Amino acid sequence: MNPSAVAYVGLDQVEDAAAVVRARTSLRPEVAIILGTGLGGLAGAIESPVAIDYAELPGFPLSTVESHAGRLLVGRLGGRPVVAMQGRFHRYEGYSLQQVTFPVRVLRQLGARVLLVSNACGGMHPGWQAGDLVLLTDHINLLGDNPLIGPNDDRLGPRFPDCSAVYDPGLRALTRRVAAAQGTVLREGVYVAVAGPNLETRAEYRMLRALGADVVGMSTVPEVLVAIHGGMRVLGVSIITDLCIPDTLEPASLDRILAVAAAAEPRLASLFAGVVGQLPA
């Protein structure tokens, strides 16, 4: 764990980290991307990236999860300037949600007004398969915490942000069009965030499905909440890496999850590049 990771988040702390990035590149990103478990290879689609290790950025935690490289990339994707997190943070690593989401504040401060967030997830919808891409329509927060709890710096966002449409309808419509043009099957559903790090029991999967969730994971929701707080437009896409159907549940392995994510990643990379390239100026 990085002892310098922030506990309280205000504009001054955010600006300290943003200044380090600005000193390394003159590119000012319009779009931010968060790459989830097994999805770091999407970074290969970013042109001429400037790479900055998280350890060089004041206030950033350090990635402790396998497959999370732990660096920031600034370059171009689909002809647009972007900044990407190659590796994210989770509550189960021992970080507070304020620490987990601190990088999103920095991405916003660098100029990004759109956030594309990806993750690997468990699929609970009986008609879907491992390797399917899922366009997120909504989410359920079962982390037992919220990154917006605590003092609110009004310069970063309002005390009570509205969450009636956290996943931007316009971005979702654009993503559907891009997926159709690319011949990519795109599911749509609700993501539920749980604390982890263990995978869920059969009874828990039944409960989560009954609550209205289609896919389950251990990330994304805190980052999306902070992005909404900062006035960003958000698009979320999950890759189903394992099936979580209680009656046919099989033991999951990290190796298999990473293999499924790697096989599906080219479709996600193409989808994100297509969306970024078609964003309105």
C-alpha atoms as a PDB file:
ATOM      1  CA  MET A   1       0.000   0.000   0.000  1.00  0.00           C
ATOM      2  CA  ASN A   2       1.239   3.474  -0.837  1.00  0.00           C
ATOM      3  CA  PRO A   3       1.563   5.441   2.419  1.00  0.00           C
ATOM      4  CA  SER A   4       1.138   8.695   0.491  1.00  0.00           C
ATOM      5  CA  ALA A   5      -2.344   7.747  -0.770  1.00  0.00           C
ATOM      6  CA  VAL A   6      -4.780  10.455   0.238  1.00  0.00           C
ATOM      7  CA  ALA A   7      -7.516   9.996   2.837  1.00  0.00           C
ATOM      8  CA  TYR A   8      -9.214  13.366   2.336  1.00  0.00           C
ATOM      9  CA  VAL A   9      -9.802  14.523  -1.230  1.00  0.00           C
ATOM     10  CA  GLY A  10      -9.895  18.234  -2.033  1.00  0.00           C
ATOM     11  CA  LEU A  11      -8.973  20.227  -5.120  1.00  0.00           C
ATOM     12  CA  ASP A  12      -5.457  20.968  -3.824  1.00  0.00           C
ATOM     13  CA  GLN A  13      -4.568  17.268  -3.546  1.00  0.00           C
ATOM     14  CA  VAL A  14      -6.048  16.566  -6.978  1.00  0.00           C
ATOM     15  CA  GLU A  15      -4.106  19.413  -8.569  1.00  0.00           C
ATOM     16  CA  ASP A  16      -0.811  18.170  -7.095  1.00  0.00           C
ATOM     17  CA  ALA A  17      -1.141  14.900  -9.022  1.00  0.00           C
ATOM     18  CA  ALA A  18      -2.465  16.547 -12.174  1.00  0.00           C
ATOM     19  CA  ALA A  19       0.530  18.887 -12.242  1.00  0.00           C
ATOM     20  CA  VAL A  20       2.913  15.912 -12.423  1.00  0.00           C
ATOM     21  CA  VAL A  21       1.080  14.594 -15.493  1.00  0.00           C
ATOM     22  CA  ARG A  22       1.063  17.998 -17.191  1.00  0.00           C
ATOM     23  CA  ALA A  23       4.803  18.251 -16.670  1.00  0.00           C
ATOM     24  CA  ARG A  24       5.301  15.001 -18.605  1.00  0.00           C
ATOM     25  CA  THR A  25       3.075  15.676 -21.628  1.00  0.00           C
ATOM     26  CA  SER A  26       1.469  18.598 -23.412  1.00  0.00           C
ATOM     27  CA  LEU A  27      -1.479  16.457 -24.511  1.00  0.00           C
ATOM     28  CA  ARG A  28      -4.729  17.442 -22.790  1.00  0.00           C
ATOM     29  CA  PRO A  29      -7.071  14.434 -22.670  1.00  0.00           C
ATOM     30  CA  GLU A  30     -10.732  14.728 -23.574  1.00  0.00           C
ATOM     31  CA  VAL A  31     -11.625  11.144 -22.651  1.00  0.00           C
ATOM     32  CA  ALA A  32     -10.597   8.997 -19.670  1.00  0.00           C
ATOM     33  CA  ILE A  33     -10.562   5.200 -19.720  1.00  0.00           C
ATOM     34  CA  ILE A  34     -10.323   2.747 -16.823  1.00  0.00           C
ATOM     35  CA  LEU A  35      -9.043  -0.726 -17.743  1.00  0.00           C
ATOM     36  CA  GLY A  36     -10.200  -3.538 -15.481  1.00  0.00           C
ATOM     37  CA  THR A  37      -8.960  -7.011 -14.554  1.00  0.00           C
ATOM     38  CA  GLY A  38      -7.373  -8.750 -17.512  1.00  0.00           C
ATOM     39  CA  LEU A  39      -8.061  -5.784 -19.778  1.00  0.00           C
ATOM     40  CA  GLY A  40      -4.739  -3.955 -19.596  1.00  0.00           C
ATOM     41  CA  GLY A  41      -3.889  -4.974 -23.143  1.00  0.00           C
ATOM     42  CA  LEU A  42      -6.333  -2.404 -24.467  1.00  0.00           C
ATOM     43  CA  ALA A  43      -3.527   0.028 -23.733  1.00  0.00           C
ATOM     44  CA  GLY A  44      -1.845  -1.290 -26.866  1.00  0.00           C
ATOM     45  CA  ALA A  45      -4.427   0.528 -28.983  1.00  0.00           C
ATOM     46  CA  ILE A  46      -3.346   3.910 -27.557  1.00  0.00           C
ATOM     47  CA  GLU A  47      -1.000   5.707 -29.960  1.00  0.00           C
ATOM     48  CA  SER A  48       2.361   7.081 -28.761  1.00  0.00           C
ATOM     49  CA  PRO A  49       1.479   6.882 -25.075  1.00  0.00           C
ATOM     50  CA  VAL A  50       3.375   8.647 -22.326  1.00  0.00           C
ATOM     51  CA  ALA A  51       3.467   6.201 -19.403  1.00  0.00           C
ATOM     52  CA  ILE A  52       3.582   7.387 -15.792  1.00  0.00           C
ATOM     53  CA  ASP A  53       3.791   4.880 -12.944  1.00  0.00           C
ATOM     54  CA  TYR A  54       1.265   5.389 -10.171  1.00  0.00           C
ATOM     55  CA  ALA A  55       4.151   5.561  -7.700  1.00  0.00           C
ATOM     56  CA  GLU A  56       5.197   8.845  -9.334  1.00  0.00           C
ATOM     57  CA  LEU A  57       1.807  10.472  -8.764  1.00  0.00           C
ATOM     58  CA  PRO A  58       1.208  12.008  -5.321  1.00  0.00           C
ATOM     59  CA  GLY A  59      -1.915  10.662  -3.684  1.00  0.00           C
ATOM     60  CA  PHE A  60      -2.240   7.623  -5.960  1.00  0.00           C
ATOM     61  CA  PRO A  61      -2.570   4.202  -4.336  1.00  0.00           C
ATOM     62  CA  LEU A  62      -0.544   1.311  -5.755  1.00  0.00           C
ATOM     63  CA  SER A  63      -2.087  -1.611  -7.655  1.00  0.00           C
ATOM     64  CA  THR A  64      -1.730  -4.904  -5.769  1.00  0.00           C
ATOM     65  CA  VAL A  65      -3.845  -7.118  -8.043  1.00  0.00           C
ATOM     66  CA  GLU A  66      -2.442  -9.479 -10.663  1.00  0.00           C
ATOM     67  CA  SER A  67      -2.984  -8.167 -14.239  1.00  0.00           C
ATOM     68  CA  HIS A  68      -3.152  -4.513 -13.084  1.00  0.00           C
ATOM     69  CA  ALA A  69      -0.015  -2.825 -14.424  1.00  0.00           C
ATOM     70  CA  GLY A  70      -0.314   0.280 -12.255  1.00  0.00           C
ATOM     71  CA  ARG A  71       0.406   3.128 -14.636  1.00  0.00           C
ATOM     72  CA  LEU A  72      -1.259   6.060 -16.343  1.00  0.00           C
ATOM     73  CA  LEU A  73      -1.104   6.343 -20.134  1.00  0.00           C
ATOM     74  CA  VAL A  74      -1.644   9.587 -22.046  1.00  0.00           C
ATOM     75  CA  GLY A  75      -1.927   9.345 -25.837  1.00  0.00           C
ATOM     76  CA  ARG A  76      -4.458   9.126 -28.653  1.00  0.00           C
ATOM     77  CA  LEU A  77      -7.236   6.643 -29.381  1.00  0.00           C
ATOM     78  CA  GLY A  78      -9.489   6.942 -32.406  1.00  0.00           C
ATOM     79  CA  GLY A  79      -7.746  10.241 -33.155  1.00  0.00           C
ATOM     80  CA  ARG A  80      -8.755  11.788 -29.814  1.00  0.00           C
ATOM     81  CA  PRO A  81      -6.511  12.641 -26.853  1.00  0.00           C
ATOM     82  CA  VAL A  82      -7.138  10.183 -24.025  1.00  0.00           C
ATOM     83  CA  VAL A  83      -5.824   9.249 -20.606  1.00  0.00           C
ATOM     84  CA  ALA A  84      -6.092   5.636 -19.464  1.00  0.00           C
ATOM     85  CA  MET A  85      -5.641   3.917 -16.137  1.00  0.00           C
ATOM     86  CA  GLN A  86      -3.899   0.609 -16.787  1.00  0.00           C
ATOM     87  CA  GLY A  87      -4.983  -0.932 -13.522  1.00  0.00           C
ATOM     88  CA  ARG A  88      -7.459   0.220 -10.898  1.00  0.00           C
ATOM     89  CA  PHE A  89      -7.944  -0.082  -7.150  1.00  0.00           C
ATOM     90  CA  HIS A  90     -10.476  -1.932  -5.024  1.00  0.00           C
ATOM     91  CA  ARG A  91     -11.862  -1.705  -1.540  1.00  0.00           C
ATOM     92  CA  TYR A  92     -10.728  -5.269  -0.804  1.00  0.00           C
ATOM     93  CA  GLU A  93      -7.093  -4.156  -1.182  1.00  0.00           C
ATOM     94  CA  GLY A  94      -7.532  -2.179   2.023  1.00  0.00           C
ATOM     95  CA  TYR A  95      -8.017   1.256   0.478  1.00  0.00           C
ATOM     96  CA  SER A  96     -10.846   3.598   1.371  1.00  0.00           C
ATOM     97  CA  LEU A  97     -13.242   4.450  -1.425  1.00  0.00           C
ATOM     98  CA  GLN A  98     -11.853   7.998  -1.366  1.00  0.00           C
ATOM     99  CA  GLN A  99      -8.442   6.520  -2.166  1.00  0.00           C
ATOM    100  CA  VAL A 100      -9.877   4.109  -4.739  1.00  0.00           C
ATOM    101  CA  THR A 101     -11.498   6.969  -6.650  1.00  0.00           C
ATOM    102  CA  PHE A 102      -8.822   9.632  -6.244  1.00  0.00           C
ATOM    103  CA  PRO A 103      -7.448   8.934  -9.749  1.00  0.00           C
ATOM    104  CA  VAL A 104     -10.842   9.723 -11.283  1.00  0.00           C
ATOM    105  CA  ARG A 105     -10.611  13.192  -9.738  1.00  0.00           C
ATOM    106  CA  VAL A 106      -7.210  13.612 -11.371  1.00  0.00           C
ATOM    107  CA  LEU A 107      -8.474  12.438 -14.786  1.00  0.00           C
ATOM    108  CA  ARG A 108     -11.235  15.028 -14.559  1.00  0.00           C
ATOM    109  CA  GLN A 109      -8.767  17.736 -13.525  1.00  0.00           C
ATOM    110  CA  LEU A 110      -6.611  16.920 -16.555  1.00  0.00           C
ATOM    111  CA  GLY A 111      -9.517  17.856 -18.799  1.00  0.00           C
ATOM    112  CA  ALA A 112     -11.428  14.621 -19.450  1.00  0.00           C
ATOM    113  CA  ARG A 113     -15.180  15.155 -19.641  1.00  0.00           C
ATOM    114  CA  VAL A 114     -16.080  11.596 -20.665  1.00  0.00           C
ATOM    115  CA  LEU A 115     -15.243   8.429 -18.713  1.00  0.00           C
ATOM    116  CA  LEU A 116     -15.211   4.979 -20.311  1.00  0.00           C
ATOM    117  CA  VAL A 117     -15.015   2.306 -17.633  1.00  0.00           C
ATOM    118  CA  SER A 118     -14.498  -1.408 -18.190  1.00  0.00           C
ATOM    119  CA  ASN A 119     -14.437  -4.405 -15.888  1.00  0.00           C
ATOM    120  CA  ALA A 120     -14.430  -8.162 -15.715  1.00  0.00           C
ATOM    121  CA  CYS A 121     -17.575  -9.485 -14.074  1.00  0.00           C
ATOM    122  CA  GLY A 122     -19.630 -12.539 -13.222  1.00  0.00           C
ATOM    123  CA  GLY A 123     -22.700 -13.120 -15.370  1.00  0.00           C
ATOM    124  CA  MET A 124     -25.962 -13.965 -13.597  1.00  0.00           C
ATOM    125  CA  HIS A 125     -28.327 -13.632 -16.570  1.00  0.00           C
ATOM    126  CA  PRO A 126     -29.221 -17.189 -17.671  1.00  0.00           C
ATOM    127  CA  GLY A 127     -29.239 -16.322 -21.377  1.00  0.00           C
ATOM    128  CA  TRP A 128     -25.719 -14.839 -21.522  1.00  0.00           C
ATOM    129  CA  GLN A 129     -22.335 -16.486 -22.011  1.00  0.00           C
ATOM    130  CA  ALA A 130     -18.772 -16.039 -20.807  1.00  0.00           C
ATOM    131  CA  GLY A 131     -17.017 -13.616 -23.137  1.00  0.00           C
ATOM    132  CA  ASP A 132     -20.134 -11.511 -23.796  1.00  0.00           C
ATOM    133  CA  LEU A 133     -19.833  -7.721 -23.642  1.00  0.00           C
ATOM    134  CA  VAL A 134     -22.447  -5.995 -21.475  1.00  0.00           C
ATOM    135  CA  LEU A 135     -23.386  -2.342 -21.861  1.00  0.00           C
ATOM    136  CA  LEU A 136     -24.237  -1.076 -18.383  1.00  0.00           C
ATOM    137  CA  THR A 137     -27.621   0.604 -18.031  1.00  0.00           C
ATOM    138  CA  ASP A 138     -27.568   1.098 -14.261  1.00  0.00           C
ATOM    139  CA  HIS A 139     -25.938  -0.163 -11.106  1.00  0.00           C
ATOM    140  CA  ILE A 140     -26.580  -1.235  -7.508  1.00  0.00           C
ATOM    141  CA  ASN A 141     -24.115  -0.293  -4.771  1.00  0.00           C
ATOM    142  CA  LEU A 142     -23.739  -3.073  -2.180  1.00  0.00           C
ATOM    143  CA  LEU A 143     -20.246  -2.072  -1.065  1.00  0.00           C
ATOM    144  CA  GLY A 144     -21.578  -0.749   2.222  1.00  0.00           C
ATOM    145  CA  ASP A 145     -19.799   2.546   1.589  1.00  0.00           C
ATOM    146  CA  ASN A 146     -19.759   5.551  -0.728  1.00  0.00           C
ATOM    147  CA  PRO A 147     -16.756   7.611  -1.910  1.00  0.00           C
ATOM    148  CA  LEU A 148     -18.732  10.838  -1.481  1.00  0.00           C
ATOM    149  CA  ILE A 149     -19.111  10.415   2.271  1.00  0.00           C
ATOM    150  CA  GLY A 150     -17.202  13.019   4.264  1.00  0.00           C
ATOM    151  CA  PRO A 151     -16.355  16.690   3.694  1.00  0.00           C
ATOM    152  CA  ASN A 152     -17.407  17.927   0.249  1.00  0.00           C
ATOM    153  CA  ASP A 153     -15.171  20.280  -1.707  1.00  0.00           C
ATOM    154  CA  ASP A 154     -17.721  22.204  -3.777  1.00  0.00           C
ATOM    155  CA  ARG A 155     -15.028  22.928  -6.381  1.00  0.00           C
ATOM    156  CA  LEU A 156     -15.035  19.215  -7.221  1.00  0.00           C
ATOM    157  CA  GLY A 157     -18.792  18.720  -7.350  1.00  0.00           C
ATOM    158  CA  PRO A 158     -22.132  19.207  -5.555  1.00  0.00           C
ATOM    159  CA  ARG A 159     -22.969  17.779  -2.158  1.00  0.00           C
ATOM    160  CA  PHE A 160     -25.925  15.770  -3.520  1.00  0.00           C
ATOM    161  CA  PRO A 161     -25.283  14.669  -7.129  1.00  0.00           C
ATOM    162  CA  ASP A 162     -28.201  13.282  -9.111  1.00  0.00           C
ATOM    163  CA  CYS A 163     -27.932   9.620 -10.157  1.00  0.00           C
ATOM    164  CA  SER A 164     -31.109   9.179 -12.198  1.00  0.00           C
ATOM    165  CA  ALA A 165     -29.045   8.410 -15.326  1.00  0.00           C
ATOM    166  CA  VAL A 166     -25.491   7.579 -14.293  1.00  0.00           C
ATOM    167  CA  TYR A 167     -24.698   5.786 -17.581  1.00  0.00           C
ATOM    168  CA  ASP A 168     -25.184   8.450 -20.226  1.00  0.00           C
ATOM    169  CA  PRO A 169     -28.076   7.650 -22.624  1.00  0.00           C
ATOM    170  CA  GLY A 170     -26.364   9.387 -25.541  1.00  0.00           C
ATOM    171  CA  LEU A 171     -23.131   7.436 -25.055  1.00  0.00           C
ATOM    172  CA  ARG A 172     -25.082   4.194 -24.764  1.00  0.00           C
ATOM    173  CA  ALA A 173     -26.911   4.907 -28.031  1.00  0.00           C
ATOM    174  CA  LEU A 174     -23.601   5.656 -29.760  1.00  0.00           C
ATOM    175  CA  THR A 175     -22.123   2.426 -28.392  1.00  0.00           C
ATOM    176  CA  ARG A 176     -25.032   0.400 -29.733  1.00  0.00           C
ATOM    177  CA  ARG A 177     -24.481   1.883 -33.196  1.00  0.00           C
ATOM    178  CA  VAL A 178     -20.749   1.205 -33.112  1.00  0.00           C
ATOM    179  CA  ALA A 179     -21.280  -2.369 -31.911  1.00  0.00           C
ATOM    180  CA  ALA A 180     -23.828  -3.020 -34.671  1.00  0.00           C
ATOM    181  CA  ALA A 181     -21.476  -1.646 -37.322  1.00  0.00           C
ATOM    182  CA  GLN A 182     -18.668  -3.856 -36.010  1.00  0.00           C
ATOM    183  CA  GLY A 183     -20.866  -6.935 -35.780  1.00  0.00           C
ATOM    184  CA  THR A 184     -20.329  -7.194 -32.034  1.00  0.00           C
ATOM    185  CA  VAL A 185     -23.056  -8.699 -29.858  1.00  0.00           C
ATOM    186  CA  LEU A 186     -23.741  -6.274 -27.019  1.00  0.00           C
ATOM    187  CA  ARG A 187     -25.867  -7.249 -24.052  1.00  0.00           C
ATOM    188  CA  GLU A 188     -27.406  -4.600 -21.786  1.00  0.00           C
ATOM    189  CA  GLY A 189     -27.895  -4.904 -18.075  1.00  0.00           C
ATOM    190  CA  VAL A 190     -27.461  -3.822 -14.457  1.00  0.00           C
ATOM    191  CA  TYR A 191     -24.161  -4.153 -12.587  1.00  0.00           C
ATOM    192  CA  VAL A 192     -24.027  -4.783  -8.847  1.00  0.00           C
ATOM    193  CA  ALA A 193     -20.880  -3.969  -6.873  1.00  0.00           C
ATOM    194  CA  VAL A 194     -19.917  -6.101  -3.872  1.00  0.00           C
ATOM    195  CA  ALA A 195     -16.893  -5.777  -1.609  1.00  0.00           C
ATOM    196  CA  GLY A 196     -15.155  -9.110  -2.298  1.00  0.00           C
ATOM    197  CA  PRO A 197     -12.512 -10.411  -2.473  1.00  0.00           C
ATOM    198  CA  ASN A 198     -14.210 -13.807  -2.301  1.00  0.00           C
ATOM    199  CA  LEU A 199     -16.583 -14.783  -5.042  1.00  0.00           C
ATOM    200  CA  GLU A 200     -20.196 -15.160  -3.992  1.00  0.00           C
ATOM    201  CA  THR A 201     -22.138 -18.154  -2.702  1.00  0.00           C
ATOM    202  CA  ARG A 202     -25.043 -19.733  -4.553  1.00  0.00           C
ATOM    203  CA  ALA A 203     -27.473 -18.076  -2.133  1.00  0.00           C
ATOM    204  CA  GLU A 204     -25.855 -14.689  -2.671  1.00  0.00           C
ATOM    205  CA  TYR A 205     -26.127 -15.022  -6.468  1.00  0.00           C
ATOM    206  CA  ARG A 206     -29.836 -15.795  -6.075  1.00  0.00           C
ATOM    207  CA  MET A 207     -30.250 -12.718  -3.878  1.00  0.00           C
ATOM    208  CA  LEU A 208     -28.347 -10.432  -6.282  1.00  0.00           C
ATOM    209  CA  ARG A 209     -30.360 -11.678  -9.226  1.00  0.00           C
ATOM    210  CA  ALA A 210     -33.594 -11.126  -7.295  1.00  0.00           C
ATOM    211  CA  LEU A 211     -32.494  -7.547  -6.596  1.00  0.00           C
ATOM    212  CA  GLY A 212     -32.394  -6.884 -10.340  1.00  0.00           C
ATOM    213  CA  ALA A 213     -28.717  -7.325 -11.197  1.00  0.00           C
ATOM    214  CA  ASP A 214     -27.474  -9.044 -14.339  1.00  0.00           C
ATOM    215  CA  VAL A 215     -23.725  -8.967 -13.632  1.00  0.00           C
ATOM    216  CA  VAL A 216     -21.651  -8.721 -10.456  1.00  0.00           C
ATOM    217  CA  GLY A 217     -18.197  -7.337  -9.718  1.00  0.00           C
ATOM    218  CA  MET A 218     -16.008  -5.616  -7.127  1.00  0.00           C
ATOM    219  CA  SER A 219     -15.305  -2.252  -8.762  1.00  0.00           C
ATOM    220  CA  THR A 220     -16.698   0.418 -11.096  1.00  0.00           C
ATOM    221  CA  VAL A 221     -19.508   1.847  -8.973  1.00  0.00           C
ATOM    222  CA  PRO A 222     -17.269   4.048  -6.753  1.00  0.00           C
ATOM    223  CA  GLU A 223     -15.449   5.408  -9.810  1.00  0.00           C
ATOM    224  CA  VAL A 224     -18.720   6.118 -11.600  1.00  0.00           C
ATOM    225  CA  LEU A 225     -20.135   7.946  -8.576  1.00  0.00           C
ATOM    226  CA  VAL A 226     -17.093  10.218  -8.399  1.00  0.00           C
ATOM    227  CA  ALA A 227     -17.214  10.832 -12.155  1.00  0.00           C
ATOM    228  CA  ILE A 228     -20.869  11.852 -11.892  1.00  0.00           C
ATOM    229  CA  HIS A 229     -19.996  14.069  -8.922  1.00  0.00           C
ATOM    230  CA  GLY A 230     -17.429  15.780 -11.154  1.00  0.00           C
ATOM    231  CA  GLY A 231     -19.874  16.315 -14.015  1.00  0.00           C
ATOM    232  CA  MET A 232     -18.451  13.667 -16.356  1.00  0.00           C
ATOM    233  CA  ARG A 233     -20.469  11.646 -18.858  1.00  0.00           C
ATOM    234  CA  VAL A 234     -20.026   7.931 -18.188  1.00  0.00           C
ATOM    235  CA  LEU A 235     -20.075   4.808 -20.343  1.00  0.00           C
ATOM    236  CA  GLY A 236     -19.637   1.375 -18.757  1.00  0.00           C
ATOM    237  CA  VAL A 237     -18.942  -1.940 -20.502  1.00  0.00           C
ATOM    238  CA  SER A 238     -18.337  -5.251 -18.731  1.00  0.00           C
ATOM    239  CA  ILE A 239     -16.858  -8.509 -19.997  1.00  0.00           C
ATOM    240  CA  ILE A 240     -18.517 -11.599 -18.519  1.00  0.00           C
ATOM    241  CA  THR A 241     -15.593 -13.790 -17.491  1.00  0.00           C
ATOM    242  CA  ASP A 242     -17.438 -16.464 -15.504  1.00  0.00           C
ATOM    243  CA  LEU A 243     -21.015 -17.681 -15.203  1.00  0.00           C
ATOM    244  CA  CYS A 244     -22.739 -17.278 -11.841  1.00  0.00           C
ATOM    245  CA  ILE A 245     -25.896 -19.339 -12.296  1.00  0.00           C
ATOM    246  CA  PRO A 246     -26.610 -20.955  -8.903  1.00  0.00           C
ATOM    247  CA  ASP A 247     -28.013 -24.253 -10.186  1.00  0.00           C
ATOM    248  CA  THR A 248     -25.055 -24.886 -12.497  1.00  0.00           C
ATOM    249  CA  LEU A 249     -22.327 -23.060 -10.575  1.00  0.00           C
ATOM    250  CA  GLU A 250     -18.793 -24.360 -11.060  1.00  0.00           C
ATOM    251  CA  PRO A 251     -15.646 -23.362  -9.169  1.00  0.00           C
ATOM    252  CA  ALA A 252     -13.993 -20.293 -10.706  1.00  0.00           C
ATOM    253  CA  SER A 253     -10.272 -19.824 -11.232  1.00  0.00           C
ATOM    254  CA  LEU A 254      -8.335 -16.620 -11.834  1.00  0.00           C
ATOM    255  CA  ASP A 255      -6.477 -18.193 -14.749  1.00  0.00           C
ATOM    256  CA  ARG A 256      -9.739 -18.965 -16.534  1.00  0.00           C
ATOM    257  CA  ILE A 257     -11.144 -15.493 -15.787  1.00  0.00           C
ATOM    258  CA  LEU A 258      -8.039 -13.824 -17.223  1.00  0.00           C
ATOM    259  CA  ALA A 259      -8.120 -16.087 -20.292  1.00  0.00           C
ATOM    260  CA  VAL A 260     -11.750 -15.206 -21.049  1.00  0.00           C
ATOM    261  CA  ALA A 261     -11.032 -11.493 -20.564  1.00  0.00           C
ATOM    262  CA  ALA A 262      -8.029 -11.690 -22.898  1.00  0.00           C
ATOM    263  CA  ALA A 263     -10.055 -13.450 -25.602  1.00  0.00           C
ATOM    264  CA  ALA A 264     -12.824 -10.827 -25.452  1.00  0.00           C
ATOM    265  CA  GLU A 265     -10.532  -7.827 -25.114  1.00  0.00           C
ATOM    266  CA  PRO A 266      -9.999  -7.196 -28.860  1.00  0.00           C
ATOM    267  CA  ARG A 267     -13.741  -6.649 -29.262  1.00  0.00           C
ATOM    268  CA  LEU A 268     -13.796  -4.266 -26.305  1.00  0.00           C
ATOM    269  CA  ALA A 269     -10.764  -2.376 -27.645  1.00  0.00           C
ATOM    270  CA  SER A 270     -12.398  -2.021 -31.063  1.00  0.00           C
ATOM    271  CA  LEU A 271     -15.656  -0.911 -29.465  1.00  0.00           C
ATOM    272  CA  PHE A 272     -14.011   1.739 -27.276  1.00  0.00           C
ATOM    273  CA  ALA A 273     -11.870   3.017 -30.150  1.00  0.00           C
ATOM    274  CA  GLY A 274     -14.971   3.293 -32.340  1.00  0.00           C
ATOM    275  CA  VAL A 275     -16.905   5.148 -29.650  1.00  0.00           C
ATOM    276  CA  VAL A 276     -14.057   7.569 -28.925  1.00  0.00           C
ATOM    277  CA  GLY A 277     -13.569   8.238 -32.626  1.00  0.00           C
ATOM    278  CA  GLN A 278     -17.227   9.146 -33.069  1.00  0.00           C
ATOM    279  CA  LEU A 279     -17.689  11.331 -30.011  1.00  0.00           C
ATOM    280  CA  PRO A 280     -18.974  14.812 -30.891  1.00  0.00           C
ATOM    281  CA  ALA A 281     -16.253  17.456 -30.901  1.00  0.00           C
END
